[in-house]
């Protein structure tokens, strides 16, 4: 019998491989923007050496690094990590959806909405392990509106000077752009849905 005090990750959140490597995706995005590695590093607030490592596949990106890159490119996190769809898809089958896995925090992030859907929105399911947190810069929120809907566990939201503790079933709308921290201060996994709409 499982000890009730022992945190157990939801079985459905086993990470699966992303079809296109993040290194290739980042290289294509940077070249498409016409930026040097140093220019991207400056825009994202990271070192050029880190950009080099990411593009060469020598370092795995954390969710916080992806957040900084999304702000630099003016893209959502899902747009950064997802495989670009050749055609618009109306249905995203659970068996084929990709999951981004952060080896540092062990956060997993599953893109729920169909790739390439021309809705200006994306829906993502996130599992945040016990005592873990993920931080995102204010710049990542300047071009989007976002709702956070907690499915299970407890999630602490630090939005600038504001702190909100969300329980299962609670839904929060993020306000004006500010640095945001998603924090799980408990000994249980927190599962929540992020709904993003572009302005």
C-alpha atoms as a PDB file:
ATOM      1  CA  UNK A   1       0.000   0.000   0.000  1.00  0.00           C
ATOM      2  CA  UNK A   2       1.300   3.496  -0.860  1.00  0.00           C
ATOM      3  CA  UNK A   3       2.130   5.751   2.067  1.00  0.00           C
ATOM      4  CA  UNK A   4      -0.415   8.619   1.822  1.00  0.00           C
ATOM      5  CA  UNK A   5       2.357  11.070   2.727  1.00  0.00           C
ATOM      6  CA  UNK A   6       4.441   9.977  -0.265  1.00  0.00           C
ATOM      7  CA  UNK A   7       3.837  12.202  -3.315  1.00  0.00           C
ATOM      8  CA  UNK A   8       2.916  10.267  -6.441  1.00  0.00           C
ATOM      9  CA  UNK A   9       3.082  11.818  -9.890  1.00  0.00           C
ATOM     10  CA  UNK A  10      -0.082  11.482 -11.997  1.00  0.00           C
ATOM     11  CA  UNK A  11       0.387   8.532 -14.343  1.00  0.00           C
ATOM     12  CA  UNK A  12      -0.905  10.410 -17.361  1.00  0.00           C
ATOM     13  CA  UNK A  13       1.951  12.901 -17.177  1.00  0.00           C
ATOM     14  CA  UNK A  14       4.800  10.583 -18.222  1.00  0.00           C
ATOM     15  CA  UNK A  15       6.972  12.768 -20.479  1.00  0.00           C
ATOM     16  CA  UNK A  16       7.173  11.815 -24.162  1.00  0.00           C
ATOM     17  CA  UNK A  17       9.639  12.930 -26.804  1.00  0.00           C
ATOM     18  CA  UNK A  18       9.106  16.226 -28.601  1.00  0.00           C
ATOM     19  CA  UNK A  19       9.195  15.515 -32.385  1.00  0.00           C
ATOM     20  CA  UNK A  20      11.647  18.296 -33.195  1.00  0.00           C
ATOM     21  CA  UNK A  21      14.590  18.839 -30.895  1.00  0.00           C
ATOM     22  CA  UNK A  22      14.608  22.090 -28.973  1.00  0.00           C
ATOM     23  CA  UNK A  23      18.085  22.808 -30.378  1.00  0.00           C
ATOM     24  CA  UNK A  24      16.788  22.720 -33.952  1.00  0.00           C
ATOM     25  CA  UNK A  25      13.716  24.736 -33.052  1.00  0.00           C
ATOM     26  CA  UNK A  26      15.739  27.472 -31.363  1.00  0.00           C
ATOM     27  CA  UNK A  27      18.213  27.673 -34.251  1.00  0.00           C
ATOM     28  CA  UNK A  28      15.385  28.027 -36.790  1.00  0.00           C
ATOM     29  CA  UNK A  29      13.624  30.709 -34.736  1.00  0.00           C
ATOM     30  CA  UNK A  30      16.805  32.723 -34.278  1.00  0.00           C
ATOM     31  CA  UNK A  31      17.752  32.520 -37.961  1.00  0.00           C
ATOM     32  CA  UNK A  32      14.187  33.404 -38.942  1.00  0.00           C
ATOM     33  CA  UNK A  33      14.396  36.529 -36.796  1.00  0.00           C
ATOM     34  CA  UNK A  34      17.729  37.460 -38.386  1.00  0.00           C
ATOM     35  CA  UNK A  35      19.523  37.632 -35.033  1.00  0.00           C
ATOM     36  CA  UNK A  36      23.004  36.610 -34.018  1.00  0.00           C
ATOM     37  CA  UNK A  37      23.422  34.443 -30.929  1.00  0.00           C
ATOM     38  CA  UNK A  38      24.552  37.517 -29.019  1.00  0.00           C
ATOM     39  CA  UNK A  39      21.483  39.495 -30.086  1.00  0.00           C
ATOM     40  CA  UNK A  40      19.184  36.716 -28.887  1.00  0.00           C
ATOM     41  CA  UNK A  41      21.130  36.427 -25.635  1.00  0.00           C
ATOM     42  CA  UNK A  42      20.748  40.165 -25.025  1.00  0.00           C
ATOM     43  CA  UNK A  43      17.005  40.082 -25.742  1.00  0.00           C
ATOM     44  CA  UNK A  44      16.461  37.061 -23.483  1.00  0.00           C
ATOM     45  CA  UNK A  45      18.733  38.256 -20.683  1.00  0.00           C
ATOM     46  CA  UNK A  46      20.977  35.194 -20.795  1.00  0.00           C
ATOM     47  CA  UNK A  47      24.586  34.572 -21.812  1.00  0.00           C
ATOM     48  CA  UNK A  48      25.683  33.910 -25.386  1.00  0.00           C
ATOM     49  CA  UNK A  49      27.379  30.782 -24.077  1.00  0.00           C
ATOM     50  CA  UNK A  50      24.004  29.445 -22.934  1.00  0.00           C
ATOM     51  CA  UNK A  51      22.471  30.087 -26.362  1.00  0.00           C
ATOM     52  CA  UNK A  52      25.412  28.224 -27.928  1.00  0.00           C
ATOM     53  CA  UNK A  53      24.863  25.238 -25.632  1.00  0.00           C
ATOM     54  CA  UNK A  54      21.117  25.155 -26.276  1.00  0.00           C
ATOM     55  CA  UNK A  55      21.509  25.296 -30.060  1.00  0.00           C
ATOM     56  CA  UNK A  56      24.139  22.550 -30.009  1.00  0.00           C
ATOM     57  CA  UNK A  57      22.037  20.336 -27.785  1.00  0.00           C
ATOM     58  CA  UNK A  58      24.681  20.460 -25.059  1.00  0.00           C
ATOM     59  CA  UNK A  59      22.237  21.786 -22.463  1.00  0.00           C
ATOM     60  CA  UNK A  60      18.559  21.053 -21.829  1.00  0.00           C
ATOM     61  CA  UNK A  61      16.371  24.140 -21.360  1.00  0.00           C
ATOM     62  CA  UNK A  62      14.571  24.692 -18.088  1.00  0.00           C
ATOM     63  CA  UNK A  63      11.014  26.022 -18.145  1.00  0.00           C
ATOM     64  CA  UNK A  64      12.349  29.351 -16.839  1.00  0.00           C
ATOM     65  CA  UNK A  65      14.810  29.547 -19.754  1.00  0.00           C
ATOM     66  CA  UNK A  66      11.986  28.810 -22.190  1.00  0.00           C
ATOM     67  CA  UNK A  67      10.008  31.632 -20.578  1.00  0.00           C
ATOM     68  CA  UNK A  68      12.845  34.090 -21.213  1.00  0.00           C
ATOM     69  CA  UNK A  69      13.175  32.946 -24.816  1.00  0.00           C
ATOM     70  CA  UNK A  70       9.424  33.222 -25.383  1.00  0.00           C
ATOM     71  CA  UNK A  71       9.567  36.825 -24.192  1.00  0.00           C
ATOM     72  CA  UNK A  72      12.489  37.542 -26.540  1.00  0.00           C
ATOM     73  CA  UNK A  73      10.670  36.153 -29.581  1.00  0.00           C
ATOM     74  CA  UNK A  74       7.238  37.503 -28.617  1.00  0.00           C
ATOM     75  CA  UNK A  75       5.857  33.968 -28.654  1.00  0.00           C
ATOM     76  CA  UNK A  76       3.996  31.871 -26.118  1.00  0.00           C
ATOM     77  CA  UNK A  77       5.829  29.074 -24.326  1.00  0.00           C
ATOM     78  CA  UNK A  78       3.778  26.531 -26.292  1.00  0.00           C
ATOM     79  CA  UNK A  79       4.836  28.129 -29.583  1.00  0.00           C
ATOM     80  CA  UNK A  80       8.487  27.870 -28.568  1.00  0.00           C
ATOM     81  CA  UNK A  81       8.481  24.208 -27.536  1.00  0.00           C
ATOM     82  CA  UNK A  82       5.842  22.762 -29.879  1.00  0.00           C
ATOM     83  CA  UNK A  83       6.465  21.161 -33.245  1.00  0.00           C
ATOM     84  CA  UNK A  84       5.204  23.578 -35.932  1.00  0.00           C
ATOM     85  CA  UNK A  85       2.240  22.007 -37.722  1.00  0.00           C
ATOM     86  CA  UNK A  86       2.360  21.787 -41.525  1.00  0.00           C
ATOM     87  CA  UNK A  87      -1.428  22.141 -41.631  1.00  0.00           C
ATOM     88  CA  UNK A  88      -4.044  23.374 -39.213  1.00  0.00           C
ATOM     89  CA  UNK A  89      -5.255  20.616 -36.897  1.00  0.00           C
ATOM     90  CA  UNK A  90      -8.704  20.696 -35.319  1.00  0.00           C
ATOM     91  CA  UNK A  91      -8.247  17.697 -33.027  1.00  0.00           C
ATOM     92  CA  UNK A  92      -5.288  16.944 -30.740  1.00  0.00           C
ATOM     93  CA  UNK A  93      -5.319  13.261 -29.786  1.00  0.00           C
ATOM     94  CA  UNK A  94      -3.986  12.543 -26.310  1.00  0.00           C
ATOM     95  CA  UNK A  95      -1.700   9.778 -27.596  1.00  0.00           C
ATOM     96  CA  UNK A  96       0.116  12.160 -29.954  1.00  0.00           C
ATOM     97  CA  UNK A  97       0.442  15.272 -27.787  1.00  0.00           C
ATOM     98  CA  UNK A  98       3.960  16.267 -26.789  1.00  0.00           C
ATOM     99  CA  UNK A  99       5.185  17.049 -23.289  1.00  0.00           C
ATOM    100  CA  UNK A 100       7.989  19.388 -22.331  1.00  0.00           C
ATOM    101  CA  UNK A 101       9.871  18.078 -19.300  1.00  0.00           C
ATOM    102  CA  UNK A 102      12.110  20.281 -17.146  1.00  0.00           C
ATOM    103  CA  UNK A 103      14.804  18.043 -15.648  1.00  0.00           C
ATOM    104  CA  UNK A 104      15.713  20.719 -13.082  1.00  0.00           C
ATOM    105  CA  UNK A 105      12.290  21.175 -11.463  1.00  0.00           C
ATOM    106  CA  UNK A 106      10.736  17.950 -12.863  1.00  0.00           C
ATOM    107  CA  UNK A 107       7.821  20.037 -14.074  1.00  0.00           C
ATOM    108  CA  UNK A 108       5.994  18.535 -17.055  1.00  0.00           C
ATOM    109  CA  UNK A 109       3.973  20.570 -19.511  1.00  0.00           C
ATOM    110  CA  UNK A 110       1.575  18.965 -21.991  1.00  0.00           C
ATOM    111  CA  UNK A 111       0.275  20.971 -24.942  1.00  0.00           C
ATOM    112  CA  UNK A 112      -3.447  20.187 -25.059  1.00  0.00           C
ATOM    113  CA  UNK A 113      -4.670  22.471 -27.842  1.00  0.00           C
ATOM    114  CA  UNK A 114      -4.198  21.381 -31.489  1.00  0.00           C
ATOM    115  CA  UNK A 115      -0.941  22.461 -33.150  1.00  0.00           C
ATOM    116  CA  UNK A 116      -1.462  25.073 -35.827  1.00  0.00           C
ATOM    117  CA  UNK A 117      -5.031  25.857 -34.766  1.00  0.00           C
ATOM    118  CA  UNK A 118      -5.695  29.428 -35.882  1.00  0.00           C
ATOM    119  CA  UNK A 119      -7.513  30.542 -32.734  1.00  0.00           C
ATOM    120  CA  UNK A 120      -4.989  32.858 -31.103  1.00  0.00           C
ATOM    121  CA  UNK A 121      -5.248  30.632 -28.028  1.00  0.00           C
ATOM    122  CA  UNK A 122      -3.421  27.690 -26.534  1.00  0.00           C
ATOM    123  CA  UNK A 123      -4.250  25.340 -23.679  1.00  0.00           C
ATOM    124  CA  UNK A 124      -1.611  23.544 -21.624  1.00  0.00           C
ATOM    125  CA  UNK A 125      -1.769  21.071 -18.752  1.00  0.00           C
ATOM    126  CA  UNK A 126       1.044  21.395 -16.212  1.00  0.00           C
ATOM    127  CA  UNK A 127       2.157  19.182 -13.333  1.00  0.00           C
ATOM    128  CA  UNK A 128       4.350  20.922 -10.756  1.00  0.00           C
ATOM    129  CA  UNK A 129       6.113  18.588  -8.275  1.00  0.00           C
ATOM    130  CA  UNK A 130       6.162  19.135  -4.505  1.00  0.00           C
ATOM    131  CA  UNK A 131       8.299  22.069  -3.299  1.00  0.00           C
ATOM    132  CA  UNK A 132       9.082  23.159  -6.867  1.00  0.00           C
ATOM    133  CA  UNK A 133       8.588  26.519  -8.530  1.00  0.00           C
ATOM    134  CA  UNK A 134       8.906  28.145 -11.949  1.00  0.00           C
ATOM    135  CA  UNK A 135       9.523  31.818 -12.614  1.00  0.00           C
ATOM    136  CA  UNK A 136       8.655  33.849 -15.703  1.00  0.00           C
ATOM    137  CA  UNK A 137       9.669  37.452 -16.552  1.00  0.00           C
ATOM    138  CA  UNK A 138       7.116  40.223 -16.962  1.00  0.00           C
ATOM    139  CA  UNK A 139       8.068  40.480 -20.650  1.00  0.00           C
ATOM    140  CA  UNK A 140       6.527  37.044 -21.258  1.00  0.00           C
ATOM    141  CA  UNK A 141       3.087  38.486 -20.470  1.00  0.00           C
ATOM    142  CA  UNK A 142       3.105  41.728 -22.483  1.00  0.00           C
ATOM    143  CA  UNK A 143       1.340  40.195 -25.509  1.00  0.00           C
ATOM    144  CA  UNK A 144      -0.971  37.628 -23.884  1.00  0.00           C
ATOM    145  CA  UNK A 145      -3.835  37.224 -21.432  1.00  0.00           C
ATOM    146  CA  UNK A 146      -3.731  34.143 -19.226  1.00  0.00           C
ATOM    147  CA  UNK A 147      -6.013  32.070 -17.007  1.00  0.00           C
ATOM    148  CA  UNK A 148      -4.767  29.524 -14.460  1.00  0.00           C
ATOM    149  CA  UNK A 149      -7.204  26.735 -13.520  1.00  0.00           C
ATOM    150  CA  UNK A 150      -6.125  24.322 -10.777  1.00  0.00           C
ATOM    151  CA  UNK A 151      -7.300  20.737 -11.256  1.00  0.00           C
ATOM    152  CA  UNK A 152      -5.633  19.085  -8.273  1.00  0.00           C
ATOM    153  CA  UNK A 153      -3.442  20.078  -5.335  1.00  0.00           C
ATOM    154  CA  UNK A 154      -2.542  23.604  -4.294  1.00  0.00           C
ATOM    155  CA  UNK A 155      -0.744  26.292  -6.273  1.00  0.00           C
ATOM    156  CA  UNK A 156       0.736  29.525  -4.936  1.00  0.00           C
ATOM    157  CA  UNK A 157       0.840  32.359  -7.473  1.00  0.00           C
ATOM    158  CA  UNK A 158       3.287  35.216  -6.900  1.00  0.00           C
ATOM    159  CA  UNK A 159       2.390  38.003  -9.335  1.00  0.00           C
ATOM    160  CA  UNK A 160       4.506  41.052  -8.627  1.00  0.00           C
ATOM    161  CA  UNK A 161       3.574  42.086  -5.084  1.00  0.00           C
ATOM    162  CA  UNK A 162       0.387  39.970  -5.111  1.00  0.00           C
ATOM    163  CA  UNK A 163       0.160  36.444  -3.683  1.00  0.00           C
ATOM    164  CA  UNK A 164      -2.755  34.080  -4.249  1.00  0.00           C
ATOM    165  CA  UNK A 165      -3.119  30.500  -3.025  1.00  0.00           C
ATOM    166  CA  UNK A 166      -5.284  28.448  -5.367  1.00  0.00           C
ATOM    167  CA  UNK A 167      -6.921  25.127  -4.538  1.00  0.00           C
ATOM    168  CA  UNK A 168      -8.532  22.501  -6.738  1.00  0.00           C
ATOM    169  CA  UNK A 169     -11.261  24.095  -8.858  1.00  0.00           C
ATOM    170  CA  UNK A 170     -10.001  27.668  -8.413  1.00  0.00           C
ATOM    171  CA  UNK A 171      -9.331  29.785 -11.498  1.00  0.00           C
ATOM    172  CA  UNK A 172      -7.246  32.971 -11.632  1.00  0.00           C
ATOM    173  CA  UNK A 173      -6.867  35.633 -14.304  1.00  0.00           C
ATOM    174  CA  UNK A 174      -3.434  37.235 -14.431  1.00  0.00           C
ATOM    175  CA  UNK A 175      -3.407  41.021 -14.331  1.00  0.00           C
ATOM    176  CA  UNK A 176      -1.063  43.575 -15.936  1.00  0.00           C
ATOM    177  CA  UNK A 177       2.361  42.205 -16.965  1.00  0.00           C
ATOM    178  CA  UNK A 178       4.612  41.454 -14.001  1.00  0.00           C
ATOM    179  CA  UNK A 179       7.096  38.793 -12.996  1.00  0.00           C
ATOM    180  CA  UNK A 180       5.179  35.615 -12.111  1.00  0.00           C
ATOM    181  CA  UNK A 181       6.195  32.635 -10.005  1.00  0.00           C
ATOM    182  CA  UNK A 182       4.237  29.374  -9.992  1.00  0.00           C
ATOM    183  CA  UNK A 183       5.023  27.700  -6.660  1.00  0.00           C
ATOM    184  CA  UNK A 184       4.022  24.401  -5.107  1.00  0.00           C
ATOM    185  CA  UNK A 185       4.628  24.828  -1.375  1.00  0.00           C
ATOM    186  CA  UNK A 186       3.082  21.470  -0.478  1.00  0.00           C
ATOM    187  CA  UNK A 187       4.127  17.814  -0.421  1.00  0.00           C
ATOM    188  CA  UNK A 188       1.623  16.874  -3.154  1.00  0.00           C
ATOM    189  CA  UNK A 189       1.797  17.304  -6.906  1.00  0.00           C
ATOM    190  CA  UNK A 190      -0.140  20.282  -8.244  1.00  0.00           C
ATOM    191  CA  UNK A 191      -1.919  19.907 -11.586  1.00  0.00           C
ATOM    192  CA  UNK A 192      -3.261  22.956 -13.381  1.00  0.00           C
ATOM    193  CA  UNK A 193      -4.320  24.211 -16.796  1.00  0.00           C
ATOM    194  CA  UNK A 194      -2.900  27.337 -18.437  1.00  0.00           C
ATOM    195  CA  UNK A 195      -5.159  29.019 -20.995  1.00  0.00           C
ATOM    196  CA  UNK A 196      -3.432  31.678 -23.077  1.00  0.00           C
ATOM    197  CA  UNK A 197      -4.948  34.149 -25.513  1.00  0.00           C
ATOM    198  CA  UNK A 198      -2.874  36.442 -27.706  1.00  0.00           C
ATOM    199  CA  UNK A 199      -3.805  40.139 -27.712  1.00  0.00           C
END
